[in-house]
Structures are given as C-alpha cells and as structure tokens.
Amino acid sequence: MLYYGEAIGRKEERPIYLGVDVAGAKNTWVSALSPGSDGLNVVHGPRLASLKLIFSYCENNDVIAAAIDAQLTIPLSEDSGFRTSDLHLRSLLPSDCRNWVAPINSLMAVEDTGSLRR
C-alpha cells in the first residue's frame, strides 16, 4: 500500500489512463491503467496520494486521460474540504457553535435540493 506523500511509482514509458477520487486532504485515491497486448493492465492499483503528488506524476508520465471524481466547486488549494467562506464563517461563530459549519465531504449524504432537476 502506498501511503500519503510517497511517490506513486517509477516513470512509465507507455500511455497511462488515470482515475482519481478526490475526497479530502488525506483521502484522495488514484489508480492507473495502461493498454497492453492483452487489453488494459493495472499500472498502479488504488492507493492514497496527495493532489500535488498526482499532478507531479501526470507531468512526469504519459498520462493521456484522467477521470476525476471531485467536488469541482472547491479549489484544489483547499485540501481540508472547507472553502474559504466556510472558514471565515466558522471564525465568526461562537466557539461552541463552530461545528455547525461542516466540510463539504461530510455533507455527501445531505440532499442538495438546489441542484436537483425535477
């Protein structure tokens, strides 16, 4: 198992298809596939990795496509799952109420009626 912050692997000479599941600062997963004579081969099985590490891997390898599962409303610079506005709101609340503002990843099970189509 690769741990957060370690290198994803050696430089690959073949084209890579990358799958990334961005689920917070310490819970982002990546996996890589590559075409071979017998179909697609697993280059790197699912493992934890930082966004910085994934970006570096893409720059140093022939990644030709990446499928990304992420909340695209949060900038990559905000690894904690809290948007800048969330952090500001938390700082304005009394200390015993700061947990009222939750990171976006903890809200996955909450229905977002504003984006539902009926």
Foldseek 3Di string as FASTA:
>chain_A
DDAEPDAQDDEDAFEKEKEWEQQAARDIWMWIWGQDPVGIDTPGHIDTYGPVNVVVNVVRYNHPYYHYHDDVVADSVHRHQDHPVLVVVLVVDDVVCSVVRDRPSVCPVPDDVVPDDD
